PDB file of all heavy atoms in Angstrom:
ATOM      1  N   GLU A   1      -3.329  -0.968   6.111  1.00  0.00           N
ATOM      2  CA  GLU A   1      -4.444  -1.516   6.954  1.00  0.00           C
ATOM      3  C   GLU A   1      -5.721  -1.620   6.188  1.00  0.00           C
ATOM      4  O   GLU A   1      -6.459  -2.675   6.359  1.00  0.00           O
ATOM      5  CB  GLU A   1      -4.571  -0.541   8.155  1.00  0.00           C
ATOM      6  CG  GLU A   1      -5.570  -1.145   9.137  1.00  0.00           C
ATOM      7  CD  GLU A   1      -5.814  -0.210  10.339  1.00  0.00           C
ATOM      8  OE1 GLU A   1      -5.177   0.931  10.323  1.00  0.00           O
ATOM      9  OE2 GLU A   1      -6.564  -0.504  11.153  1.00  0.00           O
ATOM     10  N   VAL A   2      -6.025  -0.673   5.238  1.00  0.00           N
ATOM     11  CA  VAL A   2      -7.358  -0.802   4.523  1.00  0.00           C
ATOM     12  C   VAL A   2      -7.386  -2.091   3.761  1.00  0.00           C
ATOM     13  O   VAL A   2      -8.378  -2.876   3.670  1.00  0.00           O
ATOM     14  CB  VAL A   2      -7.491   0.432   3.568  1.00  0.00           C
ATOM     15  CG1 VAL A   2      -8.765   0.365   2.728  1.00  0.00           C
ATOM     16  CG2 VAL A   2      -7.529   1.685   4.436  1.00  0.00           C
ATOM     17  N   GLN A   3      -6.272  -2.456   3.051  1.00  0.00           N
ATOM     18  CA  GLN A   3      -6.251  -3.670   2.250  1.00  0.00           C
ATOM     19  C   GLN A   3      -6.221  -4.892   3.019  1.00  0.00           C
ATOM     20  O   GLN A   3      -6.887  -5.847   2.704  1.00  0.00           O
ATOM     21  CB  GLN A   3      -5.064  -3.621   1.264  1.00  0.00           C
ATOM     22  CG  GLN A   3      -4.898  -4.891   0.371  1.00  0.00           C
ATOM     23  CD  GLN A   3      -6.080  -5.116  -0.473  1.00  0.00           C
ATOM     24  OE1 GLN A   3      -6.293  -4.445  -1.498  1.00  0.00           O
ATOM     25  NE2 GLN A   3      -6.922  -6.148  -0.041  1.00  0.00           N
ATOM     26  N   ASN A   4      -5.536  -4.859   4.179  1.00  0.00           N
ATOM     27  CA  ASN A   4      -5.418  -5.994   4.966  1.00  0.00           C
ATOM     28  C   ASN A   4      -6.676  -6.421   5.766  1.00  0.00           C
ATOM     29  O   ASN A   4      -6.906  -7.629   6.027  1.00  0.00           O
ATOM     30  CB  ASN A   4      -4.329  -5.824   6.053  1.00  0.00           C
ATOM     31  CG  ASN A   4      -2.943  -5.670   5.441  1.00  0.00           C
ATOM     32  OD1 ASN A   4      -2.624  -6.149   4.289  1.00  0.00           O
ATOM     33  ND2 ASN A   4      -1.965  -4.898   6.198  1.00  0.00           N
ATOM     34  N   LEU A   5      -7.567  -5.329   5.934  1.00  0.00           N
ATOM     35  CA  LEU A   5      -8.817  -5.559   6.538  1.00  0.00           C
ATOM     36  C   LEU A   5      -9.901  -5.980   5.597  1.00  0.00           C
ATOM     37  O   LEU A   5     -11.010  -6.392   5.997  1.00  0.00           O
ATOM     38  CB  LEU A   5      -9.300  -4.305   7.331  1.00  0.00           C
ATOM     39  CG  LEU A   5      -8.440  -3.899   8.588  1.00  0.00           C
ATOM     40  CD1 LEU A   5      -8.987  -2.544   9.064  1.00  0.00           C
ATOM     41  CD2 LEU A   5      -8.592  -4.956   9.592  1.00  0.00           C
ATOM     42  N   THR A   6      -9.635  -5.918   4.340  1.00  0.00           N
ATOM     43  CA  THR A   6     -10.675  -6.141   3.306  1.00  0.00           C
ATOM     44  C   THR A   6     -10.277  -7.502   2.590  1.00  0.00           C
ATOM     45  O   THR A   6      -9.087  -7.675   2.271  1.00  0.00           O
ATOM     46  CB  THR A   6     -10.583  -4.978   2.218  1.00  0.00           C
ATOM     47  OG1 THR A   6     -10.752  -3.789   2.873  1.00  0.00           O
ATOM     48  CG2 THR A   6     -11.723  -5.270   1.239  1.00  0.00           C
ATOM     49  N   GLU A   7     -11.322  -8.316   2.422  1.00  0.00           N
ATOM     50  CA  GLU A   7     -11.060  -9.635   1.884  1.00  0.00           C
ATOM     51  C   GLU A   7     -10.707  -9.547   0.375  1.00  0.00           C
ATOM     52  O   GLU A   7      -9.948 -10.190  -0.202  1.00  0.00           O
ATOM     53  CB  GLU A   7     -12.321 -10.533   1.928  1.00  0.00           C
ATOM     54  CG  GLU A   7     -12.148 -11.890   1.438  1.00  0.00           C
ATOM     55  CD  GLU A   7     -13.439 -12.770   1.674  1.00  0.00           C
ATOM     56  OE1 GLU A   7     -14.405 -12.182   2.331  1.00  0.00           O
ATOM     57  OE2 GLU A   7     -13.483 -13.929   1.341  1.00  0.00           O
ATOM     58  N   ASP A   8     -11.478  -8.646  -0.351  1.00  0.00           N
ATOM     59  CA  ASP A   8     -11.275  -8.445  -1.788  1.00  0.00           C
ATOM     60  C   ASP A   8      -9.993  -7.510  -2.001  1.00  0.00           C
ATOM     61  O   ASP A   8      -9.580  -6.790  -1.127  1.00  0.00           O
ATOM     62  CB  ASP A   8     -12.427  -7.741  -2.471  1.00  0.00           C
ATOM     63  CG  ASP A   8     -13.718  -8.498  -2.341  1.00  0.00           C
ATOM     64  OD1 ASP A   8     -13.541  -9.770  -2.451  1.00  0.00           O
ATOM     65  OD2 ASP A   8     -14.763  -8.027  -2.147  1.00  0.00           O
ATOM     66  N   THR A   9      -9.543  -7.713  -3.218  1.00  0.00           N
ATOM     67  CA  THR A   9      -8.385  -6.836  -3.576  1.00  0.00           C
ATOM     68  C   THR A   9      -9.015  -5.481  -4.098  1.00  0.00           C
ATOM     69  O   THR A   9      -9.714  -5.454  -5.077  1.00  0.00           O
ATOM     70  CB  THR A   9      -7.575  -7.421  -4.790  1.00  0.00           C
ATOM     71  OG1 THR A   9      -7.012  -8.658  -4.271  1.00  0.00           O
ATOM     72  CG2 THR A   9      -6.445  -6.458  -5.178  1.00  0.00           C
ATOM     73  N   VAL A  10      -8.708  -4.410  -3.350  1.00  0.00           N
ATOM     74  CA  VAL A  10      -9.368  -3.105  -3.667  1.00  0.00           C
ATOM     75  C   VAL A  10      -8.415  -2.162  -4.286  1.00  0.00           C
ATOM     76  O   VAL A  10      -7.251  -2.285  -4.262  1.00  0.00           O
ATOM     77  CB  VAL A  10      -9.978  -2.587  -2.352  1.00  0.00           C
ATOM     78  CG1 VAL A  10     -11.131  -3.386  -1.893  1.00  0.00           C
ATOM     79  CG2 VAL A  10      -9.031  -2.424  -1.324  1.00  0.00           C
ATOM     80  N   ILE A  11      -9.044  -1.220  -5.061  1.00  0.00           N
ATOM     81  CA  ILE A  11      -8.321  -0.088  -5.732  1.00  0.00           C
ATOM     82  C   ILE A  11      -8.665   1.259  -5.228  1.00  0.00           C
ATOM     83  O   ILE A  11      -9.814   1.432  -4.925  1.00  0.00           O
ATOM     84  CB  ILE A  11      -8.495  -0.257  -7.302  1.00  0.00           C
ATOM     85  CG1 ILE A  11      -8.220  -1.654  -7.780  1.00  0.00           C
ATOM     86  CG2 ILE A  11      -7.781   0.727  -8.040  1.00  0.00           C
ATOM     87  CD1 ILE A  11      -6.798  -2.028  -7.726  1.00  0.00           C
ATOM     88  N   ASN A  12      -7.725   2.095  -5.148  1.00  0.00           N
ATOM     89  CA  ASN A  12      -8.010   3.525  -4.823  1.00  0.00           C
ATOM     90  C   ASN A  12      -8.679   4.183  -5.911  1.00  0.00           C
ATOM     91  O   ASN A  12      -8.033   4.341  -7.088  1.00  0.00           O
ATOM     92  CB  ASN A  12      -6.753   4.263  -4.365  1.00  0.00           C
ATOM     93  CG  ASN A  12      -6.068   3.670  -3.151  1.00  0.00           C
ATOM     94  OD1 ASN A  12      -6.660   2.867  -2.410  1.00  0.00           O
ATOM     95  ND2 ASN A  12      -4.766   3.912  -2.964  1.00  0.00           N
ATOM     96  N   ILE A  13      -9.907   4.714  -5.688  1.00  0.00           N
ATOM     97  CA  ILE A  13     -10.623   5.362  -6.862  1.00  0.00           C
ATOM     98  C   ILE A  13     -10.879   6.808  -6.393  1.00  0.00           C
ATOM     99  O   ILE A  13     -11.479   6.999  -5.319  1.00  0.00           O
ATOM    100  CB  ILE A  13     -11.895   4.606  -7.226  1.00  0.00           C
ATOM    101  CG1 ILE A  13     -11.658   3.253  -7.663  1.00  0.00           C
ATOM    102  CG2 ILE A  13     -12.700   5.339  -8.306  1.00  0.00           C
ATOM    103  CD1 ILE A  13     -10.827   3.174  -8.968  1.00  0.00           C
ATOM    104  N   PHE A  14     -10.591   7.746  -7.138  1.00  0.00           N
ATOM    105  CA  PHE A  14     -10.933   9.203  -6.884  1.00  0.00           C
ATOM    106  C   PHE A  14     -12.236   9.399  -7.607  1.00  0.00           C
ATOM    107  O   PHE A  14     -12.168   9.447  -8.895  1.00  0.00           O
ATOM    108  CB  PHE A  14      -9.962  10.123  -7.219  1.00  0.00           C
ATOM    109  CG  PHE A  14     -10.211  11.602  -7.009  1.00  0.00           C
ATOM    110  CD1 PHE A  14     -10.397  12.173  -5.886  1.00  0.00           C
ATOM    111  CD2 PHE A  14     -10.506  12.367  -8.249  1.00  0.00           C
ATOM    112  CE1 PHE A  14     -10.857  13.418  -5.705  1.00  0.00           C
ATOM    113  CE2 PHE A  14     -10.833  13.695  -8.119  1.00  0.00           C
ATOM    114  CZ  PHE A  14     -11.024  14.299  -6.824  1.00  0.00           C
ATOM    115  N   LEU A  15     -13.302   9.805  -6.981  1.00  0.00           N
ATOM    116  CA  LEU A  15     -14.562  10.104  -7.625  1.00  0.00           C
ATOM    117  C   LEU A  15     -14.762  11.644  -7.627  1.00  0.00           C
ATOM    118  O   LEU A  15     -15.001  12.134  -6.587  1.00  0.00           O
ATOM    119  CB  LEU A  15     -15.713   9.375  -6.859  1.00  0.00           C
ATOM    120  CG  LEU A  15     -17.093   9.526  -7.554  1.00  0.00           C
ATOM    121  CD1 LEU A  15     -17.189   8.712  -8.804  1.00  0.00           C
ATOM    122  CD2 LEU A  15     -18.228   9.086  -6.536  1.00  0.00           C
ATOM    123  N   PRO A  16     -14.611  12.304  -8.776  1.00  0.00           N
ATOM    124  CA  PRO A  16     -14.670  13.727  -8.759  1.00  0.00           C
ATOM    125  C   PRO A  16     -16.146  14.201  -8.794  1.00  0.00           C
ATOM    126  O   PRO A  16     -17.085  13.454  -9.001  1.00  0.00           O
ATOM    127  CB  PRO A  16     -14.121  14.109 -10.160  1.00  0.00           C
ATOM    128  CG  PRO A  16     -14.292  12.856 -11.040  1.00  0.00           C
ATOM    129  CD  PRO A  16     -14.331  11.732 -10.069  1.00  0.00           C
ATOM    130  N   THR A  17     -16.332  15.491  -8.463  1.00  0.00           N
ATOM    131  CA  THR A  17     -17.616  16.097  -8.436  1.00  0.00           C
ATOM    132  C   THR A  17     -17.803  16.914  -9.684  1.00  0.00           C
ATOM    133  O   THR A  17     -16.805  17.399 -10.301  1.00  0.00           O
ATOM    134  CB  THR A  17     -17.912  16.980  -7.189  1.00  0.00           C
ATOM    135  OG1 THR A  17     -16.807  17.889  -7.037  1.00  0.00           O
ATOM    136  CG2 THR A  17     -17.840  16.001  -5.920  1.00  0.00           C
ATOM    137  N   THR A  18     -19.017  17.307 -10.011  1.00  0.00           N
ATOM    138  CA  THR A  18     -19.444  18.082 -11.100  1.00  0.00           C
ATOM    139  C   THR A  18     -19.838  19.470 -10.691  1.00  0.00           C
ATOM    140  O   THR A  18     -20.687  19.498  -9.700  1.00  0.00           O
ATOM    141  CB  THR A  18     -20.487  17.439 -12.052  1.00  0.00           C
ATOM    142  OG1 THR A  18     -20.032  16.167 -12.501  1.00  0.00           O
ATOM    143  CG2 THR A  18     -20.796  18.295 -13.250  1.00  0.00           C
ATOM    144  N   PRO A  19     -19.382  20.592 -11.189  1.00  0.00           N
ATOM    145  CA  PRO A  19     -18.508  20.646 -12.286  1.00  0.00           C
ATOM    146  C   PRO A  19     -17.028  20.951 -11.905  1.00  0.00           C
ATOM    147  O   PRO A  19     -16.197  21.269 -12.731  1.00  0.00           O
ATOM    148  CB  PRO A  19     -18.983  22.036 -13.141  1.00  0.00           C
ATOM    149  CG  PRO A  19     -19.479  22.847 -11.918  1.00  0.00           C
ATOM    150  CD  PRO A  19     -20.095  21.878 -10.890  1.00  0.00           C
ATOM    151  N   ASN A  20     -16.762  20.833 -10.675  1.00  0.00           N
ATOM    152  CA  ASN A  20     -15.407  21.010 -10.151  1.00  0.00           C
ATOM    153  C   ASN A  20     -14.730  19.673  -9.849  1.00  0.00           C
ATOM    154  O   ASN A  20     -15.012  19.048  -8.824  1.00  0.00           O
ATOM    155  CB  ASN A  20     -15.412  21.882  -8.871  1.00  0.00           C
ATOM    156  CG  ASN A  20     -14.019  22.131  -8.431  1.00  0.00           C
ATOM    157  OD1 ASN A  20     -12.996  21.983  -9.015  1.00  0.00           O
ATOM    158  ND2 ASN A  20     -14.020  22.490  -7.086  1.00  0.00           N
ATOM    159  N   PRO A  21     -13.941  19.198 -10.853  1.00  0.00           N
ATOM    160  CA  PRO A  21     -13.316  17.803 -10.648  1.00  0.00           C
ATOM    161  C   PRO A  21     -12.269  17.888  -9.662  1.00  0.00           C
ATOM    162  O   PRO A  21     -11.627  16.817  -9.337  1.00  0.00           O
ATOM    163  CB  PRO A  21     -12.728  17.481 -12.078  1.00  0.00           C
ATOM    164  CG  PRO A  21     -12.548  18.834 -12.684  1.00  0.00           C
ATOM    165  CD  PRO A  21     -13.472  19.736 -12.115  1.00  0.00           C
ATOM    166  N   THR A  22     -11.756  18.966  -9.096  1.00  0.00           N
ATOM    167  CA  THR A  22     -10.726  19.011  -8.076  1.00  0.00           C
ATOM    168  C   THR A  22     -11.198  18.519  -6.757  1.00  0.00           C
ATOM    169  O   THR A  22     -10.359  18.251  -5.901  1.00  0.00           O
ATOM    170  CB  THR A  22     -10.021  20.358  -8.009  1.00  0.00           C
ATOM    171  OG1 THR A  22     -11.067  21.330  -7.673  1.00  0.00           O
ATOM    172  CG2 THR A  22      -9.481  20.733  -9.332  1.00  0.00           C
ATOM    173  N   SER A  23     -12.441  18.466  -6.536  1.00  0.00           N
ATOM    174  CA  SER A  23     -13.004  18.054  -5.207  1.00  0.00           C
ATOM    175  C   SER A  23     -13.726  16.702  -5.527  1.00  0.00           C
ATOM    176  O   SER A  23     -14.103  16.457  -6.594  1.00  0.00           O
ATOM    177  CB  SER A  23     -14.012  19.025  -4.602  1.00  0.00           C
ATOM    178  OG  SER A  23     -15.082  19.181  -5.521  1.00  0.00           O
ATOM    179  N   GLY A  24     -13.869  15.884  -4.559  1.00  0.00           N
ATOM    180  CA  GLY A  24     -14.506  14.542  -4.715  1.00  0.00           C
ATOM    181  C   GLY A  24     -14.358  13.631  -3.542  1.00  0.00           C
ATOM    182  O   GLY A  24     -14.113  14.138  -2.445  1.00  0.00           O
ATOM    183  N   PHE A  25     -14.410  12.339  -3.776  1.00  0.00           N
ATOM    184  CA  PHE A  25     -14.309  11.385  -2.586  1.00  0.00           C
ATOM    185  C   PHE A  25     -13.288  10.274  -3.057  1.00  0.00           C
ATOM    186  O   PHE A  25     -13.023  10.021  -4.186  1.00  0.00           O
ATOM    187  CB  PHE A  25     -15.694  10.675  -2.552  1.00  0.00           C
ATOM    188  CG  PHE A  25     -16.851  11.673  -2.393  1.00  0.00           C
ATOM    189  CD1 PHE A  25     -17.520  12.087  -3.491  1.00  0.00           C
ATOM    190  CD2 PHE A  25     -17.234  12.133  -1.132  1.00  0.00           C
ATOM    191  CE1 PHE A  25     -18.730  12.911  -3.340  1.00  0.00           C
ATOM    192  CE2 PHE A  25     -18.245  13.061  -1.048  1.00  0.00           C
ATOM    193  CZ  PHE A  25     -18.919  13.418  -2.119  1.00  0.00           C
ATOM    194  N   LEU A  26     -12.785   9.790  -1.962  1.00  0.00           N
ATOM    195  CA  LEU A  26     -11.732   8.664  -2.092  1.00  0.00           C
ATOM    196  C   LEU A  26     -12.515   7.390  -1.780  1.00  0.00           C
ATOM    197  O   LEU A  26     -13.020   7.232  -0.692  1.00  0.00           O
ATOM    198  CB  LEU A  26     -10.552   8.817  -1.217  1.00  0.00           C
ATOM    199  CG  LEU A  26      -9.632   7.641  -1.100  1.00  0.00           C
ATOM    200  CD1 LEU A  26      -8.959   7.350  -2.462  1.00  0.00           C
ATOM    201  CD2 LEU A  26      -8.521   7.897  -0.116  1.00  0.00           C
ATOM    202  N   LEU A  27     -12.554   6.454  -2.719  1.00  0.00           N
ATOM    203  CA  LEU A  27     -13.359   5.182  -2.522  1.00  0.00           C
ATOM    204  C   LEU A  27     -12.412   4.063  -2.706  1.00  0.00           C
ATOM    205  O   LEU A  27     -11.417   4.095  -3.466  1.00  0.00           O
ATOM    206  CB  LEU A  27     -14.439   5.091  -3.624  1.00  0.00           C
ATOM    207  CG  LEU A  27     -15.491   6.245  -3.658  1.00  0.00           C
ATOM    208  CD1 LEU A  27     -16.446   5.935  -4.724  1.00  0.00           C
ATOM    209  CD2 LEU A  27     -16.208   6.411  -2.339  1.00  0.00           C
ATOM    210  N   PHE A  28     -12.578   3.023  -1.928  1.00  0.00           N
ATOM    211  CA  PHE A  28     -11.806   1.809  -2.118  1.00  0.00           C
ATOM    212  C   PHE A  28     -12.780   0.682  -2.693  1.00  0.00           C
ATOM    213  O   PHE A  28     -13.544   0.250  -1.901  1.00  0.00           O
ATOM    214  CB  PHE A  28     -11.222   1.292  -0.709  1.00  0.00           C
ATOM    215  CG  PHE A  28     -10.423   2.340   0.025  1.00  0.00           C
ATOM    216  CD1 PHE A  28     -10.994   3.175   1.035  1.00  0.00           C
ATOM    217  CD2 PHE A  28      -9.130   2.640  -0.411  1.00  0.00           C
ATOM    218  CE1 PHE A  28     -10.199   4.060   1.709  1.00  0.00           C
ATOM    219  CE2 PHE A  28      -8.304   3.621   0.333  1.00  0.00           C
ATOM    220  CZ  PHE A  28      -8.876   4.313   1.267  1.00  0.00           C
ATOM    221  N   VAL A  29     -12.675   0.395  -3.906  1.00  0.00           N
ATOM    222  CA  VAL A  29     -13.563  -0.313  -4.654  1.00  0.00           C
ATOM    223  C   VAL A  29     -12.870  -1.622  -5.066  1.00  0.00           C
ATOM    224  O   VAL A  29     -11.696  -1.648  -5.449  1.00  0.00           O
ATOM    225  CB  VAL A  29     -13.964   0.361  -5.986  1.00  0.00           C
ATOM    226  CG1 VAL A  29     -14.990  -0.451  -6.694  1.00  0.00           C
ATOM    227  CG2 VAL A  29     -14.531   1.712  -5.595  1.00  0.00           C
ATOM    228  N   PRO A  30     -13.564  -2.781  -4.800  1.00  0.00           N
ATOM    229  CA  PRO A  30     -12.892  -4.049  -5.324  1.00  0.00           C
ATOM    230  C   PRO A  30     -12.627  -4.041  -6.803  1.00  0.00           C
ATOM    231  O   PRO A  30     -13.371  -3.439  -7.659  1.00  0.00           O
ATOM    232  CB  PRO A  30     -14.132  -5.041  -5.004  1.00  0.00           C
ATOM    233  CG  PRO A  30     -14.858  -4.461  -3.900  1.00  0.00           C
ATOM    234  CD  PRO A  30     -14.785  -3.037  -4.104  1.00  0.00           C
ATOM    235  N   ARG A  31     -11.484  -4.691  -7.140  1.00  0.00           N
ATOM    236  CA  ARG A  31     -11.021  -4.603  -8.635  1.00  0.00           C
ATOM    237  C   ARG A  31     -12.108  -5.145  -9.529  1.00  0.00           C
ATOM    238  O   ARG A  31     -12.339  -4.720 -10.625  1.00  0.00           O
ATOM    239  CB  ARG A  31      -9.812  -5.464  -8.741  1.00  0.00           C
ATOM    240  CG  ARG A  31      -9.191  -5.444 -10.047  1.00  0.00           C
ATOM    241  CD  ARG A  31      -7.946  -6.344 -10.135  1.00  0.00           C
ATOM    242  NE  ARG A  31      -6.897  -5.890  -9.308  1.00  0.00           N
ATOM    243  CZ  ARG A  31      -5.985  -4.996  -9.737  1.00  0.00           C
ATOM    244  NH1 ARG A  31      -6.011  -4.632 -11.029  1.00  0.00           N
ATOM    245  NH2 ARG A  31      -4.989  -4.637  -8.974  1.00  0.00           N
TER     246      ARG A  31
END
């Protein structure tokens, strides 16, 4: 659904936090 609702072709990007890279955010960023 996320891709179908978005006009651009998006990629799943995991954005880690500092200094603990095991936590972070899930972003859907255009290619």
